[in-house]
Amino acid sequence: MSVVDAGNVEHYRWGRSCDGWHLLAGEDLSVIEEQMPAGAMEQRHRHVRARQFFYVLVGEAVLEMDEALYRLGPGQGLHVPPGAAHQMRNESRADVRFLVVSSPKSHGDRVAAPRDAST
């Protein structure tokens, strides 16, 4: 067992300019640190099995979940249950850094959740 940080774990890029670091990559539990630059966002989606907890470390993020908007600052988090349509985005002018804790892991469990054309 060893101490982990963003400098010694698997790094990946997602979207056009976002970064992720797998701090814990288990089948039953995943902990990812992510960095999202100003103006960036993920695609709106849902997970069939995985529940997630988003926790902001630095900056401010907007997490949309089932049409409600939640502004999260440093030290604040939000639980996203399985099946809930959600989208994390950075509407600020600075980077946001946050943790995503998923159980079980969310990779391979993602389904697109486009907006209803009537809304």
PDB file of N, CA and C in Angstrom:
ATOM      1  N   MET A   1       0.847  -1.166   0.000  1.00  0.00           N
ATOM      2  CA  MET A   1       0.000   0.000   0.000  1.00  0.00           C
ATOM      3  C   MET A   1       0.897   1.234   0.000  1.00  0.00           C
ATOM      4  N   SER A   2       0.461   2.270  -0.761  1.00  0.00           N
ATOM      5  CA  SER A   2       1.256   3.493  -0.806  1.00  0.00           C
ATOM      6  C   SER A   2       0.344   4.715  -0.857  1.00  0.00           C
ATOM      7  N   VAL A   3       0.898   5.831  -0.471  1.00  0.00           N
ATOM      8  CA  VAL A   3       0.173   7.099  -0.504  1.00  0.00           C
ATOM      9  C   VAL A   3      -0.004   7.502  -1.966  1.00  0.00           C
ATOM     10  N   VAL A   4      -1.203   7.967  -2.337  1.00  0.00           N
ATOM     11  CA  VAL A   4      -1.457   8.378  -3.714  1.00  0.00           C
ATOM     12  C   VAL A   4      -1.726   9.877  -3.793  1.00  0.00           C
ATOM     13  N   ASP A   5      -1.389  10.439  -4.927  1.00  0.00           N
ATOM     14  CA  ASP A   5      -1.752  11.811  -5.248  1.00  0.00           C
ATOM     15  C   ASP A   5      -1.769  11.924  -6.772  1.00  0.00           C
ATOM     16  N   ALA A   6      -2.165  13.080  -7.276  1.00  0.00           N
ATOM     17  CA  ALA A   6      -2.299  13.262  -8.723  1.00  0.00           C
ATOM     18  C   ALA A   6      -0.978  13.074  -9.465  1.00  0.00           C
ATOM     19  N   GLY A   7       0.135  13.139  -8.770  1.00  0.00           N
ATOM     20  CA  GLY A   7       1.432  12.975  -9.413  1.00  0.00           C
ATOM     21  C   GLY A   7       1.891  11.542  -9.600  1.00  0.00           C
ATOM     22  N   ASN A   8       1.230  10.586  -8.925  1.00  0.00           N
ATOM     23  CA  ASN A   8       1.720   9.206  -9.029  1.00  0.00           C
ATOM     24  C   ASN A   8       0.634   8.183  -9.388  1.00  0.00           C
ATOM     25  N   VAL A   9      -0.488   8.655  -9.958  1.00  0.00           N
ATOM     26  CA  VAL A   9      -1.558   7.746 -10.375  1.00  0.00           C
ATOM     27  C   VAL A   9      -1.862   7.960 -11.858  1.00  0.00           C
ATOM     28  N   GLU A  10      -2.684   7.089 -12.411  1.00  0.00           N
ATOM     29  CA  GLU A  10      -3.067   7.197 -13.825  1.00  0.00           C
ATOM     30  C   GLU A  10      -3.789   8.515 -14.102  1.00  0.00           C
ATOM     31  N   HIS A  11      -3.325   9.225 -15.101  1.00  0.00           N
ATOM     32  CA  HIS A  11      -3.922  10.487 -15.544  1.00  0.00           C
ATOM     33  C   HIS A  11      -4.621  10.236 -16.879  1.00  0.00           C
ATOM     34  N   TYR A  12      -5.732  10.913 -17.104  1.00  0.00           N
ATOM     35  CA  TYR A  12      -6.387  10.858 -18.405  1.00  0.00           C
ATOM     36  C   TYR A  12      -6.992  12.217 -18.736  1.00  0.00           C
ATOM     37  N   ARG A  13      -7.205  12.465 -20.013  1.00  0.00           N
ATOM     38  CA  ARG A  13      -7.850  13.691 -20.492  1.00  0.00           C
ATOM     39  C   ARG A  13      -9.255  13.325 -20.937  1.00  0.00           C
ATOM     40  N   TRP A  14     -10.185  14.227 -20.701  1.00  0.00           N
ATOM     41  CA  TRP A  14     -11.539  14.011 -21.190  1.00  0.00           C
ATOM     42  C   TRP A  14     -12.091  15.341 -21.695  1.00  0.00           C
ATOM     43  N   GLY A  15     -13.111  15.245 -22.552  1.00  0.00           N
ATOM     44  CA  GLY A  15     -13.612  16.456 -23.168  1.00  0.00           C
ATOM     45  C   GLY A  15     -12.503  17.103 -23.972  1.00  0.00           C
ATOM     46  N   ARG A  16     -12.563  18.406 -24.100  1.00  0.00           N
ATOM     47  CA  ARG A  16     -11.535  19.113 -24.860  1.00  0.00           C
ATOM     48  C   ARG A  16     -10.341  19.505 -24.023  1.00  0.00           C
ATOM     49  N   SER A  17     -10.561  19.725 -22.719  1.00  0.00           N
ATOM     50  CA  SER A  17      -9.455  20.276 -21.930  1.00  0.00           C
ATOM     51  C   SER A  17      -9.508  19.920 -20.453  1.00  0.00           C
ATOM     52  N   CYS A  18     -10.205  18.848 -20.099  1.00  0.00           N
ATOM     53  CA  CYS A  18     -10.342  18.461 -18.690  1.00  0.00           C
ATOM     54  C   CYS A  18      -9.375  17.333 -18.360  1.00  0.00           C
ATOM     55  N   ASP A  19      -8.999  17.264 -17.090  1.00  0.00           N
ATOM     56  CA  ASP A  19      -8.063  16.244 -16.619  1.00  0.00           C
ATOM     57  C   ASP A  19      -8.708  15.410 -15.522  1.00  0.00           C
ATOM     58  N   GLY A  20      -8.300  14.152 -15.447  1.00  0.00           N
ATOM     59  CA  GLY A  20      -8.744  13.273 -14.375  1.00  0.00           C
ATOM     60  C   GLY A  20      -7.590  12.421 -13.883  1.00  0.00           C
ATOM     61  N   TRP A  21      -7.615  12.103 -12.600  1.00  0.00           N
ATOM     62  CA  TRP A  21      -6.601  11.249 -11.985  1.00  0.00           C
ATOM     63  C   TRP A  21      -7.313  10.166 -11.187  1.00  0.00           C
ATOM     64  N   HIS A  22      -7.040   8.910 -11.501  1.00  0.00           N
ATOM     65  CA  HIS A  22      -7.642   7.777 -10.787  1.00  0.00           C
ATOM     66  C   HIS A  22      -6.907   7.576  -9.455  1.00  0.00           C
ATOM     67  N   LEU A  23      -7.441   8.148  -8.389  1.00  0.00           N
ATOM     68  CA  LEU A  23      -6.829   7.975  -7.070  1.00  0.00           C
ATOM     69  C   LEU A  23      -7.094   6.573  -6.520  1.00  0.00           C
ATOM     70  N   LEU A  24      -8.261   6.034  -6.850  1.00  0.00           N
ATOM     71  CA  LEU A  24      -8.623   4.661  -6.484  1.00  0.00           C
ATOM     72  C   LEU A  24      -9.469   4.117  -7.619  1.00  0.00           C
ATOM     73  N   ALA A  25      -9.034   3.034  -8.223  1.00  0.00           N
ATOM     74  CA  ALA A  25      -9.719   2.483  -9.391  1.00  0.00           C
ATOM     75  C   ALA A  25     -10.167   1.062  -9.128  1.00  0.00           C
ATOM     76  N   GLY A  26     -11.075   0.897  -8.165  1.00  0.00           N
ATOM     77  CA  GLY A  26     -11.607  -0.428  -7.870  1.00  0.00           C
ATOM     78  C   GLY A  26     -12.899  -0.689  -8.618  1.00  0.00           C
ATOM     79  N   GLU A  27     -13.282  -1.941  -8.704  1.00  0.00           N
ATOM     80  CA  GLU A  27     -14.555  -2.299  -9.338  1.00  0.00           C
ATOM     81  C   GLU A  27     -15.736  -1.811  -8.499  1.00  0.00           C
ATOM     82  N   ASP A  28     -15.599  -1.892  -7.186  1.00  0.00           N
ATOM     83  CA  ASP A  28     -16.711  -1.546  -6.294  1.00  0.00           C
ATOM     84  C   ASP A  28     -16.671  -0.098  -5.815  1.00  0.00           C
ATOM     85  N   LEU A  29     -15.519   0.559  -5.965  1.00  0.00           N
ATOM     86  CA  LEU A  29     -15.371   1.934  -5.511  1.00  0.00           C
ATOM     87  C   LEU A  29     -14.315   2.644  -6.359  1.00  0.00           C
ATOM     88  N   SER A  30     -14.675   3.832  -6.850  1.00  0.00           N
ATOM     89  CA  SER A  30     -13.764   4.629  -7.659  1.00  0.00           C
ATOM     90  C   SER A  30     -13.678   6.024  -7.056  1.00  0.00           C
ATOM     91  N   VAL A  31     -12.454   6.547  -6.953  1.00  0.00           N
ATOM     92  CA  VAL A  31     -12.243   7.921  -6.501  1.00  0.00           C
ATOM     93  C   VAL A  31     -11.375   8.604  -7.554  1.00  0.00           C
ATOM     94  N   ILE A  32     -11.934   9.661  -8.143  1.00  0.00           N
ATOM     95  CA  ILE A  32     -11.245  10.384  -9.203  1.00  0.00           C
ATOM     96  C   ILE A  32     -11.154  11.853  -8.819  1.00  0.00           C
ATOM     97  N   GLU A  33      -9.980  12.434  -8.997  1.00  0.00           N
ATOM     98  CA  GLU A  33      -9.820  13.872  -8.863  1.00  0.00           C
ATOM     99  C   GLU A  33      -9.863  14.444 -10.274  1.00  0.00           C
ATOM    100  N   GLU A  34     -10.671  15.481 -10.470  1.00  0.00           N
ATOM    101  CA  GLU A  34     -10.797  16.058 -11.799  1.00  0.00           C
ATOM    102  C   GLU A  34     -10.553  17.558 -11.751  1.00  0.00           C
ATOM    103  N   GLN A  35     -10.060  18.075 -12.871  1.00  0.00           N
ATOM    104  CA  GLN A  35      -9.879  19.512 -13.029  1.00  0.00           C
ATOM    105  C   GLN A  35     -10.587  19.933 -14.301  1.00  0.00           C
ATOM    106  N   MET A  36     -11.401  20.986 -14.185  1.00  0.00           N
ATOM    107  CA  MET A  36     -12.203  21.477 -15.292  1.00  0.00           C
ATOM    108  C   MET A  36     -11.918  22.974 -15.455  1.00  0.00           C
ATOM    109  N   PRO A  37     -11.425  23.392 -16.615  1.00  0.00           N
ATOM    110  CA  PRO A  37     -11.143  24.815 -16.811  1.00  0.00           C
ATOM    111  C   PRO A  37     -12.430  25.631 -16.979  1.00  0.00           C
ATOM    112  N   ALA A  38     -12.290  26.934 -16.898  1.00  0.00           N
ATOM    113  CA  ALA A  38     -13.426  27.849 -17.061  1.00  0.00           C
ATOM    114  C   ALA A  38     -14.164  27.547 -18.361  1.00  0.00           C
ATOM    115  N   GLY A  39     -15.480  27.495 -18.277  1.00  0.00           N
ATOM    116  CA  GLY A  39     -16.318  27.281 -19.452  1.00  0.00           C
ATOM    117  C   GLY A  39     -16.499  25.836 -19.871  1.00  0.00           C
ATOM    118  N   ALA A  40     -15.792  24.909 -19.251  1.00  0.00           N
ATOM    119  CA  ALA A  40     -15.888  23.500 -19.642  1.00  0.00           C
ATOM    120  C   ALA A  40     -17.092  22.826 -18.996  1.00  0.00           C
ATOM    121  N   MET A  41     -17.546  21.741 -19.614  1.00  0.00           N
ATOM    122  CA  MET A  41     -18.644  20.955 -19.052  1.00  0.00           C
ATOM    123  C   MET A  41     -18.590  19.537 -19.602  1.00  0.00           C
ATOM    124  N   GLU A  42     -19.205  18.638 -18.847  1.00  0.00           N
ATOM    125  CA  GLU A  42     -19.321  17.275 -19.345  1.00  0.00           C
ATOM    126  C   GLU A  42     -20.666  17.138 -20.054  1.00  0.00           C
ATOM    127  N   GLN A  43     -20.838  16.058 -20.808  1.00  0.00           N
ATOM    128  CA  GLN A  43     -22.121  15.802 -21.444  1.00  0.00           C
ATOM    129  C   GLN A  43     -23.129  15.352 -20.393  1.00  0.00           C
ATOM    130  N   ARG A  44     -24.362  15.771 -20.548  1.00  0.00           N
ATOM    131  CA  ARG A  44     -25.434  15.357 -19.636  1.00  0.00           C
ATOM    132  C   ARG A  44     -25.624  13.849 -19.802  1.00  0.00           C
ATOM    133  N   HIS A  45     -25.689  13.146 -18.676  1.00  0.00           N
ATOM    134  CA  HIS A  45     -25.780  11.685 -18.718  1.00  0.00           C
ATOM    135  C   HIS A  45     -26.378  11.155 -17.421  1.00  0.00           C
ATOM    136  N   ARG A  46     -26.515   9.851 -17.351  1.00  0.00           N
ATOM    137  CA  ARG A  46     -26.939   9.168 -16.125  1.00  0.00           C
ATOM    138  C   ARG A  46     -26.168   7.853 -16.026  1.00  0.00           C
ATOM    139  N   HIS A  47     -26.192   7.277 -14.839  1.00  0.00           N
ATOM    140  CA  HIS A  47     -25.566   5.967 -14.624  1.00  0.00           C
ATOM    141  C   HIS A  47     -26.643   4.986 -14.192  1.00  0.00           C
ATOM    142  N   VAL A  48     -26.576   3.792 -14.740  1.00  0.00           N
ATOM    143  CA  VAL A  48     -27.582   2.772 -14.437  1.00  0.00           C
ATOM    144  C   VAL A  48     -27.384   2.226 -13.026  1.00  0.00           C
ATOM    145  N   ARG A  49     -26.144   1.915 -12.655  1.00  0.00           N
ATOM    146  CA  ARG A  49     -25.864   1.299 -11.349  1.00  0.00           C
ATOM    147  C   ARG A  49     -25.132   2.211 -10.375  1.00  0.00           C
ATOM    148  N   ALA A  50     -24.242   3.017 -10.884  1.00  0.00           N
ATOM    149  CA  ALA A  50     -23.346   3.783 -10.006  1.00  0.00           C
ATOM    150  C   ALA A  50     -24.041   4.963  -9.331  1.00  0.00           C
ATOM    151  N   ARG A  51     -23.775   5.103  -8.050  1.00  0.00           N
ATOM    152  CA  ARG A  51     -24.118   6.326  -7.336  1.00  0.00           C
ATOM    153  C   ARG A  51     -22.828   7.118  -7.223  1.00  0.00           C
ATOM    154  N   GLN A  52     -22.947   8.432  -7.240  1.00  0.00           N
ATOM    155  CA  GLN A  52     -21.750   9.265  -7.222  1.00  0.00           C
ATOM    156  C   GLN A  52     -21.882  10.363  -6.180  1.00  0.00           C
ATOM    157  N   PHE A  53     -20.712  10.812  -5.712  1.00  0.00           N
ATOM    158  CA  PHE A  53     -20.654  11.959  -4.823  1.00  0.00           C
ATOM    159  C   PHE A  53     -19.607  12.897  -5.395  1.00  0.00           C
ATOM    160  N   PHE A  54     -20.024  14.120  -5.731  1.00  0.00           N
ATOM    161  CA  PHE A  54     -19.145  15.159  -6.245  1.00  0.00           C
ATOM    162  C   PHE A  54     -18.792  16.086  -5.094  1.00  0.00           C
ATOM    163  N   TYR A  55     -17.497  16.366  -4.912  1.00  0.00           N
ATOM    164  CA  TYR A  55     -17.024  17.187  -3.806  1.00  0.00           C
ATOM    165  C   TYR A  55     -16.003  18.191  -4.327  1.00  0.00           C
ATOM    166  N   VAL A  56     -16.304  19.472  -4.219  1.00  0.00           N
ATOM    167  CA  VAL A  56     -15.433  20.510  -4.758  1.00  0.00           C
ATOM    168  C   VAL A  56     -14.281  20.798  -3.801  1.00  0.00           C
ATOM    169  N   LEU A  57     -13.066  20.797  -4.347  1.00  0.00           N
ATOM    170  CA  LEU A  57     -11.858  21.108  -3.586  1.00  0.00           C
ATOM    171  C   LEU A  57     -11.465  22.572  -3.759  1.00  0.00           C
ATOM    172  N   VAL A  58     -11.474  23.058  -5.003  1.00  0.00           N
ATOM    173  CA  VAL A  58     -11.054  24.419  -5.336  1.00  0.00           C
ATOM    174  C   VAL A  58     -11.978  24.960  -6.416  1.00  0.00           C
ATOM    175  N   GLY A  59     -12.405  26.206  -6.266  1.00  0.00           N
ATOM    176  CA  GLY A  59     -13.230  26.849  -7.283  1.00  0.00           C
ATOM    177  C   GLY A  59     -14.712  26.662  -7.037  1.00  0.00           C
ATOM    178  N   GLU A  60     -15.499  26.909  -8.081  1.00  0.00           N
ATOM    179  CA  GLU A  60     -16.951  26.772  -7.988  1.00  0.00           C
ATOM    180  C   GLU A  60     -17.463  26.025  -9.207  1.00  0.00           C
ATOM    181  N   ALA A  61     -18.323  25.054  -8.976  1.00  0.00           N
ATOM    182  CA  ALA A  61     -18.915  24.264 -10.048  1.00  0.00           C
ATOM    183  C   ALA A  61     -20.430  24.362  -9.973  1.00  0.00           C
ATOM    184  N   VAL A  62     -21.065  24.096 -11.098  1.00  0.00           N
ATOM    185  CA  VAL A  62     -22.515  23.974 -11.137  1.00  0.00           C
ATOM    186  C   VAL A  62     -22.810  22.530 -11.503  1.00  0.00           C
ATOM    187  N   LEU A  63     -23.580  21.879 -10.670  1.00  0.00           N
ATOM    188  CA  LEU A  63     -23.993  20.509 -10.944  1.00  0.00           C
ATOM    189  C   LEU A  63     -25.492  20.532 -11.186  1.00  0.00           C
ATOM    190  N   GLU A  64     -25.875  20.224 -12.412  1.00  0.00           N
ATOM    191  CA  GLU A  64     -27.295  20.116 -12.734  1.00  0.00           C
ATOM    192  C   GLU A  64     -27.705  18.668 -12.511  1.00  0.00           C
ATOM    193  N   MET A  65     -28.777  18.472 -11.764  1.00  0.00           N
ATOM    194  CA  MET A  65     -29.274  17.119 -11.531  1.00  0.00           C
ATOM    195  C   MET A  65     -30.792  17.153 -11.650  1.00  0.00           C
ATOM    196  N   ASP A  66     -31.312  16.375 -12.585  1.00  0.00           N
ATOM    197  CA  ASP A  66     -32.759  16.296 -12.814  1.00  0.00           C
ATOM    198  C   ASP A  66     -33.398  17.679 -12.897  1.00  0.00           C
ATOM    199  N   GLU A  67     -32.788  18.532 -13.718  1.00  0.00           N
ATOM    200  CA  GLU A  67     -33.280  19.887 -14.024  1.00  0.00           C
ATOM    201  C   GLU A  67     -33.052  20.923 -12.918  1.00  0.00           C
ATOM    202  N   ALA A  68     -32.552  20.545 -11.751  1.00  0.00           N
ATOM    203  CA  ALA A  68     -32.252  21.504 -10.678  1.00  0.00           C
ATOM    204  C   ALA A  68     -30.765  21.862 -10.750  1.00  0.00           C
ATOM    205  N   LEU A  69     -30.430  23.121 -10.441  1.00  0.00           N
ATOM    206  CA  LEU A  69     -29.044  23.577 -10.452  1.00  0.00           C
ATOM    207  C   LEU A  69     -28.528  23.722  -9.024  1.00  0.00           C
ATOM    208  N   TYR A  70     -27.329  23.196  -8.782  1.00  0.00           N
ATOM    209  CA  TYR A  70     -26.685  23.292  -7.480  1.00  0.00           C
ATOM    210  C   TYR A  70     -25.315  23.926  -7.675  1.00  0.00           C
ATOM    211  N   ARG A  71     -25.061  25.040  -7.012  1.00  0.00           N
ATOM    212  CA  ARG A  71     -23.749  25.684  -7.046  1.00  0.00           C
ATOM    213  C   ARG A  71     -22.941  25.155  -5.873  1.00  0.00           C
ATOM    214  N   LEU A  72     -21.784  24.596  -6.185  1.00  0.00           N
ATOM    215  CA  LEU A  72     -20.932  23.982  -5.177  1.00  0.00           C
ATOM    216  C   LEU A  72     -19.614  24.722  -5.091  1.00  0.00           C
ATOM    217  N   GLY A  73     -19.255  25.157  -3.896  1.00  0.00           N
ATOM    218  CA  GLY A  73     -17.980  25.810  -3.649  1.00  0.00           C
ATOM    219  C   GLY A  73     -17.057  24.879  -2.887  1.00  0.00           C
ATOM    220  N   PRO A  74     -15.862  25.344  -2.563  1.00  0.00           N
ATOM    221  CA  PRO A  74     -14.899  24.517  -1.830  1.00  0.00           C
ATOM    222  C   PRO A  74     -15.508  23.960  -0.540  1.00  0.00           C
ATOM    223  N   GLY A  75     -15.319  22.668  -0.338  1.00  0.00           N
ATOM    224  CA  GLY A  75     -15.832  22.018   0.859  1.00  0.00           C
ATOM    225  C   GLY A  75     -17.293  21.627   0.763  1.00  0.00           C
ATOM    226  N   GLN A  76     -17.891  21.729  -0.423  1.00  0.00           N
ATOM    227  CA  GLN A  76     -19.295  21.345  -0.598  1.00  0.00           C
ATOM    228  C   GLN A  76     -19.407  20.206  -1.596  1.00  0.00           C
ATOM    229  N   GLY A  77     -20.398  19.348  -1.373  1.00  0.00           N
ATOM    230  CA  GLY A  77     -20.598  18.202  -2.240  1.00  0.00           C
ATOM    231  C   GLY A  77     -22.062  17.875  -2.433  1.00  0.00           C
ATOM    232  N   LEU A  78     -22.326  16.956  -3.361  1.00  0.00           N
ATOM    233  CA  LEU A  78     -23.689  16.549  -3.662  1.00  0.00           C
ATOM    234  C   LEU A  78     -23.705  15.101  -4.114  1.00  0.00           C
ATOM    235  N   HIS A  79     -24.667  14.344  -3.603  1.00  0.00           N
ATOM    236  CA  HIS A  79     -24.869  12.947  -3.978  1.00  0.00           C
ATOM    237  C   HIS A  79     -25.748  12.883  -5.220  1.00  0.00           C
ATOM    238  N   VAL A  80     -25.356  12.074  -6.197  1.00  0.00           N
ATOM    239  CA  VAL A  80     -26.142  11.827  -7.401  1.00  0.00           C
ATOM    240  C   VAL A  80     -26.510  10.344  -7.394  1.00  0.00           C
ATOM    241  N   PRO A  81     -27.784  10.015  -7.164  1.00  0.00           N
ATOM    242  CA  PRO A  81     -28.185   8.612  -7.111  1.00  0.00           C
ATOM    243  C   PRO A  81     -28.205   7.963  -8.498  1.00  0.00           C
ATOM    244  N   PRO A  82     -28.169   6.637  -8.561  1.00  0.00           N
ATOM    245  CA  PRO A  82     -28.257   5.952  -9.854  1.00  0.00           C
ATOM    246  C   PRO A  82     -29.516   6.395 -10.595  1.00  0.00           C
ATOM    247  N   GLY A  83     -29.401   6.576 -11.906  1.00  0.00           N
ATOM    248  CA  GLY A  83     -30.544   6.940 -12.731  1.00  0.00           C
ATOM    249  C   GLY A  83     -30.811   8.430 -12.847  1.00  0.00           C
ATOM    250  N   ALA A  84     -30.176   9.259 -12.013  1.00  0.00           N
ATOM    251  CA  ALA A  84     -30.415  10.702 -12.058  1.00  0.00           C
ATOM    252  C   ALA A  84     -29.615  11.333 -13.199  1.00  0.00           C
ATOM    253  N   ALA A  85     -30.295  12.048 -14.089  1.00  0.00           N
ATOM    254  CA  ALA A  85     -29.611  12.759 -15.164  1.00  0.00           C
ATOM    255  C   ALA A  85     -28.829  13.907 -14.541  1.00  0.00           C
ATOM    256  N   HIS A  86     -27.562  14.053 -14.928  1.00  0.00           N
ATOM    257  CA  HIS A  86     -26.733  15.104 -14.347  1.00  0.00           C
ATOM    258  C   HIS A  86     -25.663  15.586 -15.311  1.00  0.00           C
ATOM    259  N   GLN A  87     -25.159  16.787 -14.991  1.00  0.00           N
ATOM    260  CA  GLN A  87     -24.095  17.402 -15.778  1.00  0.00           C
ATOM    261  C   GLN A  87     -23.309  18.339 -14.871  1.00  0.00           C
ATOM    262  N   MET A  88     -22.015  18.141 -14.810  1.00  0.00           N
ATOM    263  CA  MET A  88     -21.115  19.025 -14.070  1.00  0.00           C
ATOM    264  C   MET A  88     -20.576  20.043 -15.053  1.00  0.00           C
ATOM    265  N   ARG A  89     -20.542  21.310 -14.626  1.00  0.00           N
ATOM    266  CA  ARG A  89     -19.980  22.341 -15.495  1.00  0.00           C
ATOM    267  C   ARG A  89     -19.319  23.438 -14.681  1.00  0.00           C
ATOM    268  N   ASN A  90     -18.430  24.149 -15.365  1.00  0.00           N
ATOM    269  CA  ASN A  90     -17.704  25.248 -14.742  1.00  0.00           C
ATOM    270  C   ASN A  90     -18.130  26.538 -15.429  1.00  0.00           C
ATOM    271  N   GLU A  91     -18.989  27.295 -14.782  1.00  0.00           N
ATOM    272  CA  GLU A  91     -19.465  28.559 -15.334  1.00  0.00           C
ATOM    273  C   GLU A  91     -18.638  29.736 -14.834  1.00  0.00           C
ATOM    274  N   SER A  92     -17.604  29.468 -14.061  1.00  0.00           N
ATOM    275  CA  SER A  92     -16.774  30.531 -13.490  1.00  0.00           C
ATOM    276  C   SER A  92     -15.635  30.884 -14.449  1.00  0.00           C
ATOM    277  N   ARG A  93     -14.795  31.795 -14.017  1.00  0.00           N
ATOM    278  CA  ARG A  93     -13.643  32.231 -14.827  1.00  0.00           C
ATOM    279  C   ARG A  93     -12.338  31.571 -14.392  1.00  0.00           C
ATOM    280  N   ALA A  94     -12.422  30.642 -13.470  1.00  0.00           N
ATOM    281  CA  ALA A  94     -11.222  29.971 -12.963  1.00  0.00           C
ATOM    282  C   ALA A  94     -11.425  28.451 -13.003  1.00  0.00           C
ATOM    283  N   ASP A  95     -10.325  27.724 -12.920  1.00  0.00           N
ATOM    284  CA  ASP A  95     -10.411  26.262 -12.873  1.00  0.00           C
ATOM    285  C   ASP A  95     -11.187  25.813 -11.641  1.00  0.00           C
ATOM    286  N   VAL A  96     -11.848  24.678 -11.763  1.00  0.00           N
ATOM    287  CA  VAL A  96     -12.463  24.029 -10.612  1.00  0.00           C
ATOM    288  C   VAL A  96     -11.828  22.644 -10.494  1.00  0.00           C
ATOM    289  N   ARG A  97     -11.539  22.250  -9.264  1.00  0.00           N
ATOM    290  CA  ARG A  97     -10.943  20.936  -8.990  1.00  0.00           C
ATOM    291  C   ARG A  97     -11.869  20.243  -8.009  1.00  0.00           C
ATOM    292  N   PHE A  98     -12.207  18.985  -8.290  1.00  0.00           N
ATOM    293  CA  PHE A  98     -13.188  18.283  -7.472  1.00  0.00           C
ATOM    294  C   PHE A  98     -12.927  16.784  -7.462  1.00  0.00           C
ATOM    295  N   LEU A  99     -13.541  16.119  -6.497  1.00  0.00           N
ATOM    296  CA  LEU A  99     -13.494  14.660  -6.407  1.00  0.00           C
ATOM    297  C   LEU A  99     -14.816  14.092  -6.895  1.00  0.00           C
ATOM    298  N   VAL A 100     -14.726  12.943  -7.563  1.00  0.00           N
ATOM    299  CA  VAL A 100     -15.908  12.169  -7.931  1.00  0.00           C
ATOM    300  C   VAL A 100     -15.723  10.785  -7.330  1.00  0.00           C
ATOM    301  N   VAL A 101     -16.585  10.452  -6.387  1.00  0.00           N
ATOM    302  CA  VAL A 101     -16.544   9.140  -5.741  1.00  0.00           C
ATOM    303  C   VAL A 101     -17.721   8.339  -6.287  1.00  0.00           C
ATOM    304  N   SER A 102     -17.457   7.150  -6.834  1.00  0.00           N
ATOM    305  CA  SER A 102     -18.504   6.337  -7.447  1.00  0.00           C
ATOM    306  C   SER A 102     -18.501   4.936  -6.866  1.00  0.00           C
ATOM    307  N   SER A 103     -19.698   4.414  -6.640  1.00  0.00           N
ATOM    308  CA  SER A 103     -19.846   3.041  -6.157  1.00  0.00           C
ATOM    309  C   SER A 103     -21.068   2.409  -6.811  1.00  0.00           C
ATOM    310  N   PRO A 104     -20.884   1.308  -7.567  1.00  0.00           N
ATOM    311  CA  PRO A 104     -19.601   0.798  -8.059  1.00  0.00           C
ATOM    312  C   PRO A 104     -19.004   1.785  -9.052  1.00  0.00           C
ATOM    313  N   LYS A 105     -17.890   1.416  -9.671  1.00  0.00           N
ATOM    314  CA  LYS A 105     -17.235   2.343 -10.602  1.00  0.00           C
ATOM    315  C   LYS A 105     -18.228   2.779 -11.678  1.00  0.00           C
ATOM    316  N   SER A 106     -18.069   4.004 -12.151  1.00  0.00           N
ATOM    317  CA  SER A 106     -19.007   4.548 -13.142  1.00  0.00           C
ATOM    318  C   SER A 106     -18.572   4.305 -14.580  1.00  0.00           C
ATOM    319  N   HIS A 107     -17.307   4.005 -14.808  1.00  0.00           N
ATOM    320  CA  HIS A 107     -16.840   3.763 -16.170  1.00  0.00           C
ATOM    321  C   HIS A 107     -17.531   2.530 -16.735  1.00  0.00           C
ATOM    322  N   GLY A 108     -18.104   2.669 -17.929  1.00  0.00           N
ATOM    323  CA  GLY A 108     -18.841   1.577 -18.551  1.00  0.00           C
ATOM    324  C   GLY A 108     -20.301   1.529 -18.118  1.00  0.00           C
ATOM    325  N   ASP A 109     -20.732   2.484 -17.308  1.00  0.00           N
ATOM    326  CA  ASP A 109     -22.099   2.506 -16.766  1.00  0.00           C
ATOM    327  C   ASP A 109     -22.806   3.814 -17.142  1.00  0.00           C
ATOM    328  N   ARG A 110     -22.343   4.463 -18.167  1.00  0.00           N
ATOM    329  CA  ARG A 110     -22.834   5.802 -18.539  1.00  0.00           C
ATOM    330  C   ARG A 110     -23.796   5.712 -19.720  1.00  0.00           C
ATOM    331  N   VAL A 111     -24.935   6.402 -19.584  1.00  0.00           N
ATOM    332  CA  VAL A 111     -25.952   6.454 -20.642  1.00  0.00           C
ATOM    333  C   VAL A 111     -26.243   7.919 -20.928  1.00  0.00           C
ATOM    334  N   ALA A 112     -26.276   8.308 -22.186  1.00  0.00           N
ATOM    335  CA  ALA A 112     -26.584   9.696 -22.537  1.00  0.00           C
ATOM    336  C   ALA A 112     -27.972  10.068 -22.014  1.00  0.00           C
ATOM    337  N   ALA A 113     -28.113  11.318 -21.625  1.00  0.00           N
ATOM    338  CA  ALA A 113     -29.397  11.817 -21.110  1.00  0.00           C
ATOM    339  C   ALA A 113     -29.684  13.179 -21.731  1.00  0.00           C
ATOM    340  N   PRO A 114     -29.967  13.182 -23.049  1.00  0.00           N
ATOM    341  CA  PRO A 114     -30.251  14.470 -23.685  1.00  0.00           C
ATOM    342  C   PRO A 114     -31.510  15.098 -23.119  1.00  0.00           C
ATOM    343  N   ARG A 115     -31.591  16.388 -23.235  1.00  0.00           N
ATOM    344  CA  ARG A 115     -32.786  17.093 -22.777  1.00  0.00           C
ATOM    345  C   ARG A 115     -33.980  16.743 -23.641  1.00  0.00           C
ATOM    346  N   ASP A 116     -35.125  16.691 -23.024  1.00  0.00           N
ATOM    347  CA  ASP A 116     -36.376  16.500 -23.729  1.00  0.00           C
ATOM    348  C   ASP A 116     -36.592  17.716 -24.625  1.00  0.00           C
ATOM    349  N   ALA A 117     -36.911  17.516 -25.869  1.00  0.00           N
ATOM    350  CA  ALA A 117     -37.077  18.623 -26.818  1.00  0.00           C
ATOM    351  C   ALA A 117     -38.183  19.586 -26.397  1.00  0.00           C
ATOM    352  N   SER A 118     -39.088  19.139 -25.538  1.00  0.00           N
ATOM    353  CA  SER A 118     -40.192  20.003 -25.121  1.00  0.00           C
ATOM    354  C   SER A 118     -39.814  20.919 -23.963  1.00  0.00           C
ATOM    355  N   THR A 119     -38.615  20.740 -23.350  1.00  0.00           N
ATOM    356  CA  THR A 119     -38.199  21.577 -22.228  1.00  0.00           C
ATOM    357  C   THR A 119     -37.186  22.597 -22.633  1.00  0.00           C
TER     358      THR A 119
END
